[in-house]
């Protein structure tokens, strides 16, 4: 399964994960989707292989529902950040959560 080249994960894999990008060119994709949760479900059903964020599948891996192929096809680090508009109504709540978490 692949991510569209125009999607965030598609661009990231092409740029940061050359082993996966090279392997992907030799495979016949059965599905292309920018929706990681849907791709995860297809992997869990045994439909194919896909690159998925570890934060999304670590429990599946630990439970033995999936196997990690990164030792063969590589892996890549991602930095994911949370953004909102500065005038968004949740901004005050988000600042409150950040303060609460920084005291832990």
N, C-alpha and C. Protein backbone atom coordinates (compact mmCIF):
# COMPACT_ATOMS: atom_id res chain seq x y z
N UNK A 1 0.84 -1.16 0.00
CA UNK A 1 0.00 0.00 0.00
C UNK A 1 0.89 1.23 0.00
N UNK A 2 0.46 2.24 -0.70
CA UNK A 2 1.27 3.44 -0.81
C UNK A 2 0.47 4.68 -0.42
N UNK A 3 1.21 5.72 -0.15
CA UNK A 3 0.63 7.02 0.09
C UNK A 3 0.80 7.84 -1.18
N UNK A 4 -0.17 8.68 -1.53
CA UNK A 4 -0.02 9.52 -2.72
C UNK A 4 1.23 10.40 -2.59
N UNK A 5 1.94 10.61 -3.69
CA UNK A 5 3.13 11.45 -3.66
C UNK A 5 2.83 12.87 -3.20
N UNK A 6 1.58 13.30 -3.34
CA UNK A 6 1.20 14.65 -2.93
C UNK A 6 0.83 14.74 -1.46
N UNK A 7 0.74 13.61 -0.76
CA UNK A 7 0.38 13.61 0.66
C UNK A 7 1.62 13.85 1.51
N UNK A 8 1.40 14.25 2.76
CA UNK A 8 2.52 14.48 3.67
C UNK A 8 3.38 13.22 3.82
N UNK A 9 2.75 12.10 4.12
CA UNK A 9 3.53 10.87 4.31
C UNK A 9 4.18 10.42 3.01
N UNK A 10 3.50 10.58 1.90
CA UNK A 10 4.09 10.22 0.61
C UNK A 10 5.36 11.01 0.34
N UNK A 11 5.31 12.31 0.54
CA UNK A 11 6.48 13.16 0.33
C UNK A 11 7.59 12.85 1.33
N UNK A 12 7.21 12.62 2.58
CA UNK A 12 8.20 12.32 3.61
C UNK A 12 8.92 11.02 3.31
N UNK A 13 8.18 10.00 2.92
CA UNK A 13 8.81 8.71 2.61
C UNK A 13 9.77 8.82 1.43
N UNK A 14 9.36 9.54 0.40
CA UNK A 14 10.23 9.71 -0.75
C UNK A 14 11.51 10.46 -0.39
N UNK A 15 11.38 11.46 0.48
CA UNK A 15 12.52 12.31 0.83
C UNK A 15 13.41 11.70 1.91
N UNK A 16 12.80 11.11 2.94
CA UNK A 16 13.58 10.69 4.12
C UNK A 16 13.83 9.19 4.23
N UNK A 17 13.14 8.40 3.46
CA UNK A 17 13.25 6.94 3.59
C UNK A 17 13.60 6.33 2.23
N UNK A 18 14.83 6.49 1.79
CA UNK A 18 15.19 6.00 0.45
C UNK A 18 15.02 4.49 0.28
N UNK A 19 15.25 3.72 1.34
CA UNK A 19 15.07 2.26 1.24
C UNK A 19 13.62 1.91 0.94
N UNK A 20 12.69 2.57 1.63
CA UNK A 20 11.27 2.31 1.39
C UNK A 20 10.86 2.80 0.02
N UNK A 21 11.33 3.98 -0.36
CA UNK A 21 10.97 4.53 -1.68
C UNK A 21 11.46 3.61 -2.79
N UNK A 22 12.67 3.06 -2.66
CA UNK A 22 13.20 2.15 -3.67
C UNK A 22 12.41 0.84 -3.70
N UNK A 23 12.09 0.32 -2.54
CA UNK A 23 11.31 -0.94 -2.48
C UNK A 23 9.92 -0.72 -3.04
N UNK A 24 9.34 0.42 -2.77
CA UNK A 24 7.98 0.71 -3.23
C UNK A 24 7.91 0.72 -4.76
N UNK A 25 8.98 1.18 -5.40
CA UNK A 25 9.00 1.22 -6.87
C UNK A 25 9.01 -0.17 -7.48
N UNK A 26 9.47 -1.18 -6.74
CA UNK A 26 9.53 -2.54 -7.27
C UNK A 26 8.27 -3.34 -6.96
N UNK A 27 7.38 -2.78 -6.15
CA UNK A 27 6.16 -3.49 -5.75
C UNK A 27 4.97 -3.00 -6.57
N UNK A 28 3.95 -3.83 -6.60
CA UNK A 28 2.70 -3.46 -7.27
C UNK A 28 1.71 -3.04 -6.19
N UNK A 29 1.46 -1.73 -6.06
CA UNK A 29 0.54 -1.28 -5.01
C UNK A 29 -0.88 -1.78 -5.25
N UNK A 30 -1.52 -2.21 -4.19
CA UNK A 30 -2.91 -2.64 -4.30
C UNK A 30 -3.87 -1.55 -3.83
N UNK A 31 -3.29 -0.52 -3.18
CA UNK A 31 -4.12 0.57 -2.67
C UNK A 31 -3.24 1.79 -2.49
N UNK A 32 -3.80 2.96 -2.75
CA UNK A 32 -3.13 4.22 -2.46
C UNK A 32 -4.07 5.06 -1.62
N UNK A 33 -3.58 5.50 -0.46
CA UNK A 33 -4.43 6.28 0.44
C UNK A 33 -3.58 7.19 1.29
N UNK A 34 -4.06 8.38 1.56
CA UNK A 34 -3.40 9.30 2.48
C UNK A 34 -3.94 9.13 3.90
N UNK A 35 -4.89 8.22 4.08
CA UNK A 35 -5.57 8.00 5.36
C UNK A 35 -4.87 6.87 6.12
N UNK A 36 -3.94 7.22 7.01
CA UNK A 36 -3.12 6.23 7.72
C UNK A 36 -3.94 5.22 8.52
N UNK A 37 -5.01 5.68 9.15
CA UNK A 37 -5.83 4.76 9.95
C UNK A 37 -6.46 3.69 9.07
N UNK A 38 -6.88 4.05 7.89
CA UNK A 38 -7.43 3.08 6.95
C UNK A 38 -6.37 2.12 6.45
N UNK A 39 -5.18 2.63 6.19
CA UNK A 39 -4.06 1.78 5.75
C UNK A 39 -3.72 0.78 6.86
N UNK A 40 -3.71 1.24 8.11
CA UNK A 40 -3.45 0.35 9.24
C UNK A 40 -4.46 -0.80 9.28
N UNK A 41 -5.74 -0.47 9.10
CA UNK A 41 -6.77 -1.51 9.11
C UNK A 41 -6.55 -2.54 8.01
N UNK A 42 -6.13 -2.08 6.84
CA UNK A 42 -5.86 -3.02 5.74
C UNK A 42 -4.68 -3.93 6.06
N UNK A 43 -3.65 -3.37 6.69
CA UNK A 43 -2.50 -4.19 7.11
C UNK A 43 -2.97 -5.23 8.13
N UNK A 44 -3.78 -4.82 9.09
CA UNK A 44 -4.28 -5.75 10.11
C UNK A 44 -5.13 -6.87 9.49
N UNK A 45 -5.77 -6.59 8.37
CA UNK A 45 -6.57 -7.61 7.68
C UNK A 45 -5.71 -8.49 6.77
N UNK A 46 -4.40 -8.20 6.67
CA UNK A 46 -3.51 -9.00 5.85
C UNK A 46 -3.56 -8.66 4.37
N UNK A 47 -4.03 -7.48 4.04
CA UNK A 47 -4.19 -7.09 2.64
C UNK A 47 -2.87 -6.71 2.00
N UNK A 48 -1.91 -6.25 2.78
CA UNK A 48 -0.62 -5.85 2.21
C UNK A 48 0.31 -5.33 3.27
N UNK A 49 1.39 -4.68 2.83
CA UNK A 49 2.34 -4.07 3.74
C UNK A 49 2.29 -2.56 3.54
N UNK A 50 2.66 -1.81 4.58
CA UNK A 50 2.64 -0.36 4.48
C UNK A 50 3.54 0.24 5.55
N UNK A 51 4.04 1.42 5.25
CA UNK A 51 4.76 2.19 6.25
C UNK A 51 3.71 2.90 7.08
N UNK A 52 3.80 2.72 8.41
CA UNK A 52 2.85 3.34 9.34
C UNK A 52 3.60 3.95 10.51
N UNK A 53 3.11 5.05 11.06
CA UNK A 53 3.77 5.64 12.22
C UNK A 53 3.75 4.67 13.41
N UNK A 54 4.90 4.53 14.06
CA UNK A 54 5.01 3.63 15.21
C UNK A 54 4.01 4.01 16.29
N UNK A 55 3.76 5.31 16.46
CA UNK A 55 2.81 5.74 17.49
C UNK A 55 1.41 5.19 17.22
N UNK A 56 1.13 4.86 15.98
CA UNK A 56 -0.19 4.33 15.62
C UNK A 56 -0.27 2.81 15.78
N UNK A 57 0.86 2.12 15.65
CA UNK A 57 0.80 0.65 15.60
C UNK A 57 1.60 -0.07 16.67
N UNK A 58 2.17 0.65 17.63
CA UNK A 58 3.03 -0.02 18.60
C UNK A 58 2.29 -1.10 19.39
N UNK A 59 1.01 -0.85 19.70
CA UNK A 59 0.26 -1.88 20.44
C UNK A 59 0.01 -3.11 19.57
N UNK A 60 -0.27 -2.90 18.30
CA UNK A 60 -0.46 -4.02 17.37
C UNK A 60 0.83 -4.83 17.26
N UNK A 61 1.96 -4.14 17.23
CA UNK A 61 3.26 -4.81 17.14
C UNK A 61 3.53 -5.63 18.40
N UNK A 62 3.32 -5.01 19.56
CA UNK A 62 3.57 -5.72 20.82
C UNK A 62 2.64 -6.92 21.00
N UNK A 63 1.42 -6.82 20.48
CA UNK A 63 0.46 -7.92 20.59
C UNK A 63 0.67 -9.00 19.53
N UNK A 64 1.61 -8.77 18.61
CA UNK A 64 1.89 -9.76 17.58
C UNK A 64 0.91 -9.76 16.42
N UNK A 65 0.08 -8.72 16.31
CA UNK A 65 -0.88 -8.64 15.20
C UNK A 65 -0.21 -8.23 13.90
N UNK A 66 0.93 -7.54 14.01
CA UNK A 66 1.72 -7.15 12.84
C UNK A 66 3.18 -7.40 13.15
N UNK A 67 4.01 -7.46 12.12
CA UNK A 67 5.45 -7.58 12.33
C UNK A 67 6.13 -6.35 11.73
N UNK A 68 7.24 -5.99 12.32
CA UNK A 68 8.01 -4.81 11.92
C UNK A 68 8.98 -5.20 10.81
N UNK A 69 8.89 -4.53 9.68
CA UNK A 69 9.78 -4.79 8.54
C UNK A 69 10.86 -3.72 8.40
N UNK A 70 11.01 -2.85 9.40
CA UNK A 70 11.97 -1.76 9.28
C UNK A 70 13.41 -2.25 9.20
N UNK A 71 13.70 -3.44 9.73
CA UNK A 71 15.05 -3.96 9.60
C UNK A 71 15.38 -4.33 8.16
N UNK A 72 14.36 -4.50 7.33
CA UNK A 72 14.55 -4.81 5.90
C UNK A 72 14.38 -3.55 5.04
N UNK A 73 13.34 -2.79 5.31
CA UNK A 73 12.99 -1.64 4.47
C UNK A 73 13.33 -0.28 5.08
N UNK A 74 13.92 -0.28 6.26
CA UNK A 74 14.32 0.97 6.89
C UNK A 74 13.19 1.66 7.63
N UNK A 75 13.55 2.74 8.30
CA UNK A 75 12.57 3.58 8.98
C UNK A 75 13.04 5.02 8.90
N UNK A 76 12.21 5.94 9.31
CA UNK A 76 12.62 7.35 9.30
C UNK A 76 11.97 8.07 10.47
N UNK A 77 12.68 9.08 10.95
CA UNK A 77 12.20 9.91 12.04
C UNK A 77 11.27 10.98 11.49
N UNK A 78 10.20 11.25 12.20
CA UNK A 78 9.27 12.32 11.84
C UNK A 78 9.10 13.26 13.02
N UNK A 79 8.95 14.52 12.73
CA UNK A 79 8.59 15.49 13.74
C UNK A 79 7.18 15.95 13.44
N UNK A 80 6.28 15.69 14.36
CA UNK A 80 4.88 16.07 14.19
C UNK A 80 4.57 17.16 15.21
N UNK A 81 4.03 18.26 14.77
CA UNK A 81 3.71 19.38 15.64
C UNK A 81 2.22 19.69 15.56
N UNK A 82 1.68 20.22 16.62
CA UNK A 82 0.28 20.60 16.69
C UNK A 82 0.17 22.11 16.51
N UNK A 83 -0.73 22.53 15.61
CA UNK A 83 -0.91 23.95 15.32
C UNK A 83 -2.38 24.32 15.42
N UNK A 84 -2.63 25.60 15.68
CA UNK A 84 -3.97 26.17 15.64
C UNK A 84 -3.85 27.64 15.29
N UNK A 85 -4.94 28.23 14.88
CA UNK A 85 -4.94 29.67 14.63
C UNK A 85 -4.74 30.40 15.95
N UNK A 86 -4.08 31.53 15.91
CA UNK A 86 -3.81 32.26 17.15
C UNK A 86 -5.08 32.80 17.79
N UNK A 87 -6.12 33.02 17.00
CA UNK A 87 -7.36 33.54 17.57
C UNK A 87 -8.39 32.44 17.81
N UNK A 88 -7.96 31.22 17.75
CA UNK A 88 -8.87 30.08 17.91
C UNK A 88 -9.37 30.01 19.36
N UNK A 89 -10.62 29.63 19.53
CA UNK A 89 -11.21 29.55 20.87
C UNK A 89 -10.51 28.57 21.79
N UNK A 90 -9.87 27.55 21.23
CA UNK A 90 -9.22 26.55 22.08
C UNK A 90 -7.83 26.97 22.54
N UNK A 91 -7.31 28.08 22.03
CA UNK A 91 -5.95 28.48 22.36
C UNK A 91 -5.72 28.57 23.87
N UNK A 92 -6.62 29.20 24.61
CA UNK A 92 -6.47 29.31 26.06
C UNK A 92 -6.47 27.93 26.70
N UNK A 93 -7.34 27.04 26.25
CA UNK A 93 -7.39 25.69 26.80
C UNK A 93 -6.10 24.94 26.50
N UNK A 94 -5.57 25.10 25.31
CA UNK A 94 -4.32 24.43 24.93
C UNK A 94 -3.17 24.93 25.80
N UNK A 95 -3.10 26.24 26.03
CA UNK A 95 -2.07 26.79 26.92
C UNK A 95 -2.21 26.22 28.33
N UNK A 96 -3.43 26.08 28.80
CA UNK A 96 -3.67 25.50 30.12
C UNK A 96 -3.15 24.06 30.16
N UNK A 97 -3.44 23.28 29.13
CA UNK A 97 -2.95 21.90 29.08
C UNK A 97 -1.43 21.85 29.06
N UNK A 98 -0.82 22.74 28.29
CA UNK A 98 0.65 22.77 28.22
C UNK A 98 1.25 23.08 29.57
N UNK A 99 0.70 24.04 30.28
CA UNK A 99 1.18 24.38 31.61
C UNK A 99 1.00 23.22 32.56
N UNK A 100 -0.13 22.56 32.49
CA UNK A 100 -0.42 21.42 33.35
C UNK A 100 0.58 20.29 33.09
N UNK A 101 0.87 20.02 31.80
CA UNK A 101 1.80 18.94 31.45
C UNK A 101 3.24 19.28 31.78
N UNK A 102 3.60 20.56 31.77
CA UNK A 102 4.99 20.94 32.06
C UNK A 102 5.32 20.79 33.54
N UNK A 103 4.32 20.69 34.39
CA UNK A 103 4.55 20.52 35.83
C UNK A 103 4.67 19.06 36.22
N UNK A 104 4.49 18.18 35.29
CA UNK A 104 4.58 16.73 35.60
C UNK A 104 6.00 16.25 35.63
